[in-house]
Structure formats: structure tokens, C-alpha cells
């Protein structure tokens, strides 16, 4: 595996999950794979779980790790082609990428949506430059449109805790004071569609996800109806994806205070099948979810975060095996 961007890159999903559970039992069984190999983790944006879990995963496999924060301690990078570089950016990504690649064997990149152009974000301009010009295997540590390491960890968590063979999984939009990307909900939808679950997406009208990610999932605009009988509830905010109205891309369509009844609380959880609560973190309490729900015994936010190490270990292991 030389590129990890979407669920299809893993191949057989059942085999990938079995591999994840085997690694959970012994995280260090493949340390020889990474001997004298280096992972370069490049962050254009802030990170806590992705940074720590991916570093730990690489070390589990015996790898050396280099972490680069592009906006802190490195030259500012120009990412556009054909521009006159007379501003504050001293180096172009087209020179930086092959230089970075010369120091490593595998590259992970984290670069969020800019919300300046839907086409630019959804064409994954920055990540695709790394794929094109590095000559190295590249994995997405969250991009403008996807966060596959998170979605893989989410699926591992659901497999661990499910009580039904085919659980009902509901992804619910929730209010937030600022515009957030669609990367997490896009990937979660994509991975749930590939898994053996009954998947429902609920959100206010105007927040419809791109069809390439939401697929055939059932979309329900009535949040309470969507929650009925749910086994897992995944709460996440996202800004307007601009599917039907590109000019609205990246916008918060109305003041979030009008949607505070979408905050996941005991009211919604009360109609579920004693559902587990999930969120990728960081989470704004009493905006996305109330204190009582996130602190309940059915909250999986901590084991879910811990499984980020497992998903990253599986991905890096497979990339090392492709070298």
C-alpha cells in the first residue's frame, strides 16, 4: 500500500480489522519492519491525537520519526503554481517536497481545508503534490476532505463495543460557533458505508455531504427520529459542503444559537438503544454534547482516541511491507 486516503486503500476490510485486533494484543510484534526506516510527519495544522498516535505507531514498528511543523520553525511554503513569490513565503512546495522525501521512507501529511475554493479543497491540491513529487508512500493524517486514520479507529471501536451483529450507527450534525471542515464526517460516512452497519446521517437542511462520501446512507432531517433505536451515536459539526450551492461552501448557514436543540443530550440519547456516544475530539462541551452524555459510562471518546494508535500502526505496517 503506497497511498492511504480512503477505505478502499486497505483492501479487505474484515482482514484489516482482524489485523488491528491482533496489533492491539501485541503492538510491538512487527518492530523489525521499521528498522532503519524513517517516517516524516508533516503538519500544516495543529494536532494532538494525530501527532501523538502516529508517532507512537511508528515507534511501535521500530521506525525513526521526524516531525515537521510547517508554520513553526520552518520556512513558509508557497503551495500555488505560477505565482510570483514576492511575499512572506520563502520556499515553494515543489522544491520542498523532494528535499523532504530525501530524508525519509514514508510521508504523512496533515493539511486542512482552506474554505477559499471548494474545487481547490476537494481536489486535494496539497496532498496530491506530495503524492506526485515525493516518490514516497504517502498517508493522509487529515486532509481538506478526509480523515481516514480517524475513521478507521472509529470502525475499530464500533467493532469492539457492538452488541448487535449489524448495529445502527447514527452520525449527527451538532452546533459549533465556527466553520469546521467536512473531513471527519466525510470519512466516517465513507467507512460506515463500507462496513456492515445500518448507517443514518442526520443534519439540518443545507448541510448535505458530498454524494461521493455519503453514498447510499439514509439521510434523516429529523434528529430525534434518526436517533430512535440507535446503537452508536457519532456527533460532529461540519460547515456547508456546498454541494448544491458552491458559494455557500465552508459557511455556517445560520447562527448556531438557532440550532442548540441539536446538541446531543439526554433527550436524544433517551430514544436510542442505550447507545454508545462517539466523537473524534477535541469537543466543545455543551455545544456538541452535554456533560452528562460525554461523561456517561457509554461514552467511548477515550477508547476511540486510543484506537488511533492502532489504526496508524496497521497503516504504517502495510506501507512498510510495500517498500
Protein backbone atom coordinates (compact mmCIF):
# COMPACT_ATOMS: atom_id res chain seq x y z
CA UNK A 1 0.00 0.00 0.00
CA UNK A 2 1.61 3.24 -1.19
CA UNK A 3 -1.29 5.66 -0.68
CA UNK A 4 -3.69 5.73 2.27
CA UNK A 5 -6.53 8.13 1.64
CA UNK A 6 -9.77 6.16 1.60
CA UNK A 7 -11.25 2.93 2.91
CA UNK A 8 -10.68 1.14 -0.40
CA UNK A 9 -6.92 1.58 0.01
CA UNK A 10 -7.00 -1.04 2.79
CA UNK A 11 -8.48 -3.75 0.61
CA UNK A 12 -10.46 -6.37 2.51
CA UNK A 13 -11.92 -4.52 5.47
CA UNK A 14 -12.50 -7.62 7.57
CA UNK A 15 -8.85 -8.59 7.21
CA UNK A 16 -7.77 -5.07 8.18
CA UNK A 17 -9.92 -5.21 11.33
CA UNK A 18 -8.55 -8.62 12.28
CA UNK A 19 -5.06 -7.19 11.84
CA UNK A 20 -5.96 -4.26 14.08
CA UNK A 21 -7.19 -6.53 16.88
CA UNK A 22 -4.04 -8.65 16.62
CA UNK A 23 -1.93 -5.50 16.95
CA UNK A 24 -3.99 -4.41 19.97
CA UNK A 25 -2.83 -7.59 21.72
CA UNK A 26 0.84 -7.05 20.82
CA UNK A 27 1.76 -3.62 19.45
CA UNK A 28 5.44 -4.44 19.06
CA UNK A 29 5.35 -7.71 17.13
CA UNK A 30 6.45 -6.06 13.86
CA UNK A 31 9.30 -3.90 15.17
CA UNK A 32 11.77 -5.39 12.71
CA UNK A 33 9.76 -3.96 9.78
CA UNK A 34 10.73 -0.39 10.61
CA UNK A 35 14.38 -0.89 11.46
CA UNK A 36 16.47 1.83 9.76
CA UNK A 37 13.32 3.29 8.21
CA UNK A 38 12.10 6.86 8.80
CA UNK A 39 8.61 8.32 8.88
CA UNK A 40 8.29 12.05 8.18
CA UNK A 41 5.12 13.56 9.67
CA UNK A 42 4.32 16.98 8.18
CA UNK A 43 1.79 19.23 9.90
CA UNK A 44 0.37 22.28 8.19
CA UNK A 45 -2.20 22.46 11.03
CA UNK A 46 -2.45 21.82 14.76
CA UNK A 47 -2.74 18.30 16.12
CA UNK A 48 -2.83 16.38 19.38
CA UNK A 49 -4.19 12.85 18.83
CA UNK A 50 -2.91 12.51 15.26
CA UNK A 51 0.56 13.69 16.17
CA UNK A 52 0.96 11.53 19.28
CA UNK A 53 -0.77 8.40 18.00
CA UNK A 54 1.07 8.37 14.67
CA UNK A 55 4.45 8.93 16.32
CA UNK A 56 3.67 6.09 18.74
CA UNK A 57 2.56 3.82 15.90
CA UNK A 58 5.80 4.44 14.00
CA UNK A 59 7.83 3.68 17.14
CA UNK A 60 5.80 0.50 17.69
CA UNK A 61 7.14 -0.60 14.31
CA UNK A 62 10.74 0.30 15.12
CA UNK A 63 10.84 3.40 12.89
CA UNK A 64 12.69 6.65 13.31
CA UNK A 65 10.31 9.63 13.31
CA UNK A 66 10.81 13.21 12.09
CA UNK A 67 8.04 15.73 12.81
CA UNK A 68 7.85 18.99 10.87
CA UNK A 69 5.52 21.83 11.81
CA UNK A 70 5.40 23.82 8.60
CA UNK A 71 4.23 27.05 10.21
CA UNK A 72 6.50 26.87 13.24
CA UNK A 73 10.26 26.78 12.77
CA UNK A 74 10.26 26.09 9.02
CA UNK A 75 10.25 28.38 6.00
CA UNK A 76 6.77 29.45 4.98
CA UNK A 77 5.81 27.36 1.98
CA UNK A 78 4.16 28.56 -1.20
CA UNK A 79 1.69 25.95 -2.48
CA UNK A 80 0.33 27.66 -5.60
CA UNK A 81 1.86 27.13 -9.04
CA UNK A 82 2.80 30.05 -11.26
CA UNK A 83 2.81 32.73 -8.58
CA UNK A 84 5.43 35.47 -8.23
CA UNK A 85 6.94 34.77 -4.81
CA UNK A 86 7.34 38.35 -3.62
CA UNK A 87 5.51 37.89 -0.32
CA UNK A 88 6.34 36.24 3.00
CA UNK A 89 6.74 32.69 1.59
CA UNK A 90 10.39 31.84 1.01
CA UNK A 91 10.21 28.31 -0.41
CA UNK A 92 7.97 26.55 -2.88
CA UNK A 93 6.41 23.21 -2.09
CA UNK A 94 7.73 21.84 -5.40
CA UNK A 95 11.31 22.16 -4.12
CA UNK A 96 10.48 21.36 -0.50
CA UNK A 97 8.73 18.06 -1.23
CA UNK A 98 11.63 16.24 -2.93
CA UNK A 99 14.02 17.60 -0.30
CA UNK A 100 11.78 16.26 2.49
CA UNK A 101 11.46 12.94 0.67
CA UNK A 102 15.24 12.52 0.55
CA UNK A 103 15.29 12.25 4.35
CA UNK A 104 12.59 9.61 4.83
CA UNK A 105 10.89 6.46 3.59
CA UNK A 106 7.22 7.26 4.28
CA UNK A 107 5.45 10.62 4.47
CA UNK A 108 2.33 11.54 6.43
CA UNK A 109 0.69 14.92 5.74
CA UNK A 110 -1.94 16.91 7.63
CA UNK A 111 -3.43 19.87 5.76
CA UNK A 112 -6.93 21.18 6.45
CA UNK A 113 -9.46 22.74 4.11
CA UNK A 114 -8.87 26.43 3.44
CA UNK A 115 -12.51 27.27 2.59
CA UNK A 116 -11.28 29.65 -0.12
CA UNK A 117 -12.30 27.43 -3.03
CA UNK A 118 -14.34 24.24 -2.98
CA UNK A 119 -12.58 22.99 -6.11
CA UNK A 120 -9.16 23.58 -4.58
CA UNK A 121 -10.05 21.76 -1.36
CA UNK A 122 -11.94 18.86 -2.91
CA UNK A 123 -9.18 18.32 -5.49
CA UNK A 124 -6.73 17.84 -2.58
CA UNK A 125 -4.13 20.05 -4.23
CA UNK A 126 -1.55 19.94 -1.42
CA UNK A 127 -1.74 16.21 -0.65
CA UNK A 128 -1.66 15.32 -4.34
CA UNK A 129 1.54 17.33 -4.79
CA UNK A 130 3.17 15.15 -2.15
CA UNK A 131 1.95 12.04 -3.94
CA UNK A 132 3.18 13.33 -7.30
CA UNK A 133 6.57 14.78 -6.37
CA UNK A 134 7.85 12.87 -3.33
CA UNK A 135 8.30 9.40 -4.81
CA UNK A 136 7.42 8.04 -1.34
CA UNK A 137 4.37 6.29 0.08
CA UNK A 138 2.02 8.99 1.41
CA UNK A 139 -0.70 8.69 4.00
CA UNK A 140 -3.33 11.28 4.89
CA UNK A 141 -3.25 12.47 8.52
CA UNK A 142 -6.35 14.57 7.71
CA UNK A 143 -6.74 16.49 4.53
CA UNK A 144 -9.18 19.02 3.14
CA UNK A 145 -11.79 16.29 2.60
CA UNK A 146 -10.90 13.14 4.55
CA UNK A 147 -9.52 11.84 7.83
CA UNK A 148 -9.07 8.10 7.21
CA UNK A 149 -6.94 7.32 10.28
CA UNK A 150 -9.77 8.64 12.46
CA UNK A 151 -12.47 6.76 10.58
CA UNK A 152 -10.50 3.50 10.78
CA UNK A 153 -10.12 3.98 14.54
CA UNK A 154 -13.85 4.72 14.78
CA UNK A 155 -14.68 1.47 13.00
CA UNK A 156 -12.29 -0.49 15.23
CA UNK A 157 -14.09 1.00 18.25
CA UNK A 158 -17.54 0.10 16.94
CA UNK A 159 -16.39 -3.46 16.25
CA UNK A 160 -15.07 -3.69 19.81
CA UNK A 161 -18.19 -2.47 21.55
CA UNK A 162 -21.09 -3.51 19.35
CA UNK A 163 -23.80 -5.66 20.92
CA UNK A 164 -25.62 -6.42 17.67
CA UNK A 165 -24.19 -8.12 14.60
CA UNK A 166 -25.39 -5.20 12.48
CA UNK A 167 -25.68 -2.16 14.77
CA UNK A 168 -27.48 1.05 13.91
CA UNK A 169 -24.95 3.88 13.67
CA UNK A 170 -26.14 7.48 13.54
CA UNK A 171 -23.90 10.40 12.62
CA UNK A 172 -25.45 13.63 13.83
CA UNK A 173 -24.56 17.19 12.94
CA UNK A 174 -24.26 19.36 16.06
CA UNK A 175 -23.87 23.14 16.52
CA UNK A 176 -20.50 24.87 16.69
CA UNK A 177 -19.51 28.56 16.89
CA UNK A 178 -17.11 28.42 13.92
CA UNK A 179 -16.95 26.80 10.49
CA UNK A 180 -15.41 23.34 10.53
CA UNK A 181 -14.27 21.15 7.61
CA UNK A 182 -16.14 18.08 6.39
CA UNK A 183 -13.12 15.76 6.57
CA UNK A 184 -14.21 13.75 9.63
CA UNK A 185 -17.87 13.33 8.62
CA UNK A 186 -16.86 12.56 5.03
CA UNK A 187 -14.55 9.75 6.10
CA UNK A 188 -16.88 8.44 8.79
CA UNK A 189 -19.68 8.20 6.23
CA UNK A 190 -17.44 6.53 3.70
CA UNK A 191 -16.16 3.94 6.17
CA UNK A 192 -19.60 3.19 7.64
CA UNK A 193 -20.94 2.62 4.13
CA UNK A 194 -18.18 0.07 3.62
CA UNK A 195 -18.88 -1.66 6.95
CA UNK A 196 -21.74 -3.95 7.93
CA UNK A 197 -23.84 -1.40 9.81
CA UNK A 198 -27.22 0.29 9.47
CA UNK A 199 -25.99 3.83 8.83
CA UNK A 200 -28.03 7.03 9.17
CA UNK A 201 -26.91 10.65 8.76
CA UNK A 202 -28.92 13.45 10.35
CA UNK A 203 -28.42 17.19 9.89
CA UNK A 204 -30.36 20.37 9.14
CA UNK A 205 -31.18 21.07 5.51
CA UNK A 206 -28.33 22.75 3.68
CA UNK A 207 -25.58 20.62 5.25
CA UNK A 208 -25.79 17.70 2.79
CA UNK A 209 -22.44 15.94 2.42
CA UNK A 210 -20.87 15.29 -0.96
CA UNK A 211 -22.53 12.21 -2.58
CA UNK A 212 -19.14 10.58 -3.14
CA UNK A 213 -18.88 10.18 0.65
CA UNK A 214 -22.45 9.88 1.91
CA UNK A 215 -23.23 7.28 -0.75
CA UNK A 216 -26.44 5.34 -0.14
CA UNK A 217 -26.65 6.21 3.56
CA UNK A 218 -30.09 7.14 4.79
CA UNK A 219 -30.36 10.90 5.40
CA UNK A 220 -32.88 11.98 8.04
CA UNK A 221 -33.56 15.66 8.74
CA UNK A 222 -35.47 14.89 11.95
CA UNK A 223 -32.74 14.28 14.52
CA UNK A 224 -35.00 12.63 17.09
CA UNK A 225 -36.38 10.22 14.50
CA UNK A 226 -32.83 9.38 13.37
CA UNK A 227 -31.78 8.57 16.94
CA UNK A 228 -34.58 6.06 17.55
CA UNK A 229 -33.10 2.64 18.29
CA UNK A 230 -29.51 3.74 17.61
CA UNK A 231 -26.67 1.62 19.00
CA UNK A 232 -23.95 4.20 18.34
CA UNK A 233 -24.23 7.98 18.08
CA UNK A 234 -21.40 9.88 16.42
CA UNK A 235 -21.70 13.65 16.91
CA UNK A 236 -19.81 16.08 14.71
CA UNK A 237 -20.23 19.56 13.36
CA UNK A 238 -19.44 20.46 9.77
CA UNK A 239 -19.87 23.62 7.72
CA UNK A 240 -21.87 23.74 4.50
CA UNK A 241 -20.28 21.36 1.95
CA UNK A 242 -21.60 23.50 -0.92
CA UNK A 243 -22.88 20.53 -2.90
CA UNK A 244 -25.83 22.33 -4.47
CA UNK A 245 -24.72 25.91 -3.77
CA UNK A 246 -20.92 26.23 -4.13
CA UNK A 247 -21.00 29.84 -2.93
CA UNK A 248 -22.11 28.57 0.50
CA UNK A 249 -19.12 26.22 0.78
CA UNK A 250 -17.47 26.44 4.19
CA UNK A 251 -20.15 28.68 5.64
CA UNK A 252 -22.22 28.38 8.80
CA UNK A 253 -25.64 28.89 7.24
CA UNK A 254 -27.37 30.35 10.28
CA UNK A 255 -26.40 31.46 13.77
CA UNK A 256 -25.55 28.36 15.80
CA UNK A 257 -27.79 29.55 18.64
CA UNK A 258 -30.78 28.66 16.48
CA UNK A 259 -29.66 25.02 16.49
CA UNK A 260 -28.80 24.41 20.14
CA UNK A 261 -31.54 21.79 20.26
CA UNK A 262 -29.23 19.69 18.04
CA UNK A 263 -26.70 19.44 20.89
CA UNK A 264 -26.57 15.76 21.83
CA UNK A 265 -28.13 15.47 25.29
CA UNK A 266 -30.06 13.02 27.41
CA UNK A 267 -33.15 13.96 25.41
CA UNK A 268 -31.79 12.45 22.20
CA UNK A 269 -29.93 9.59 23.87
CA UNK A 270 -33.13 8.62 25.66
CA UNK A 271 -34.71 7.31 22.45
CA UNK A 272 -31.69 5.19 21.48
CA UNK A 273 -30.95 1.57 22.27
CA UNK A 274 -28.77 2.67 25.21
CA UNK A 275 -26.39 3.91 22.55
CA UNK A 276 -22.67 4.48 22.90
CA UNK A 277 -21.58 8.07 22.31
CA UNK A 278 -18.64 8.82 20.00
CA UNK A 279 -16.73 11.92 18.94
CA UNK A 280 -13.29 12.37 17.34
CA UNK A 281 -12.15 15.08 19.83
CA UNK A 282 -11.45 17.85 20.60
CA UNK A 283 -15.06 18.54 21.53
CA UNK A 284 -16.78 21.69 22.75
CA UNK A 285 -18.86 20.59 25.71
CA UNK A 286 -22.45 21.76 25.89
CA UNK A 287 -22.26 22.75 22.23
CA UNK A 288 -21.68 19.39 20.55
CA UNK A 289 -22.61 17.25 23.55
CA UNK A 290 -23.71 17.82 27.13
CA UNK A 291 -21.51 16.99 30.11
CA UNK A 292 -23.73 14.15 31.29
CA UNK A 293 -23.58 12.35 27.92
CA UNK A 294 -19.83 12.62 27.37
CA UNK A 295 -19.13 11.60 30.98
CA UNK A 296 -21.53 8.65 30.97
CA UNK A 297 -20.26 5.05 31.07
CA UNK A 298 -21.49 4.72 27.49
CA UNK A 299 -19.12 7.42 26.23
CA UNK A 300 -16.38 5.94 24.03
CA UNK A 301 -14.38 9.08 23.29
CA UNK A 302 -11.29 7.89 25.21
CA UNK A 303 -11.07 4.32 23.84
CA UNK A 304 -11.84 5.77 20.42
CA UNK A 305 -8.87 8.13 20.73
CA UNK A 306 -6.66 5.29 21.99
CA UNK A 307 -7.51 3.29 18.88
CA UNK A 308 -5.87 6.00 16.77
CA UNK A 309 -2.57 4.33 17.66
CA UNK A 310 -3.91 1.01 16.39
CA UNK A 311 -5.25 2.34 13.09
CA UNK A 312 -1.99 4.16 12.40
CA UNK A 313 0.07 1.05 13.25
CA UNK A 314 -1.88 -1.05 10.74
CA UNK A 315 -1.48 1.57 8.02
CA UNK A 316 2.24 2.11 8.59
CA UNK A 317 2.83 -1.65 8.80
CA UNK A 318 1.24 -2.16 5.41
CA UNK A 319 3.21 0.71 3.92
CA UNK A 320 6.46 -0.68 5.26
CA UNK A 321 5.61 -4.04 3.73
CA UNK A 322 5.22 -2.33 0.34
CA UNK A 323 8.73 -0.82 0.36
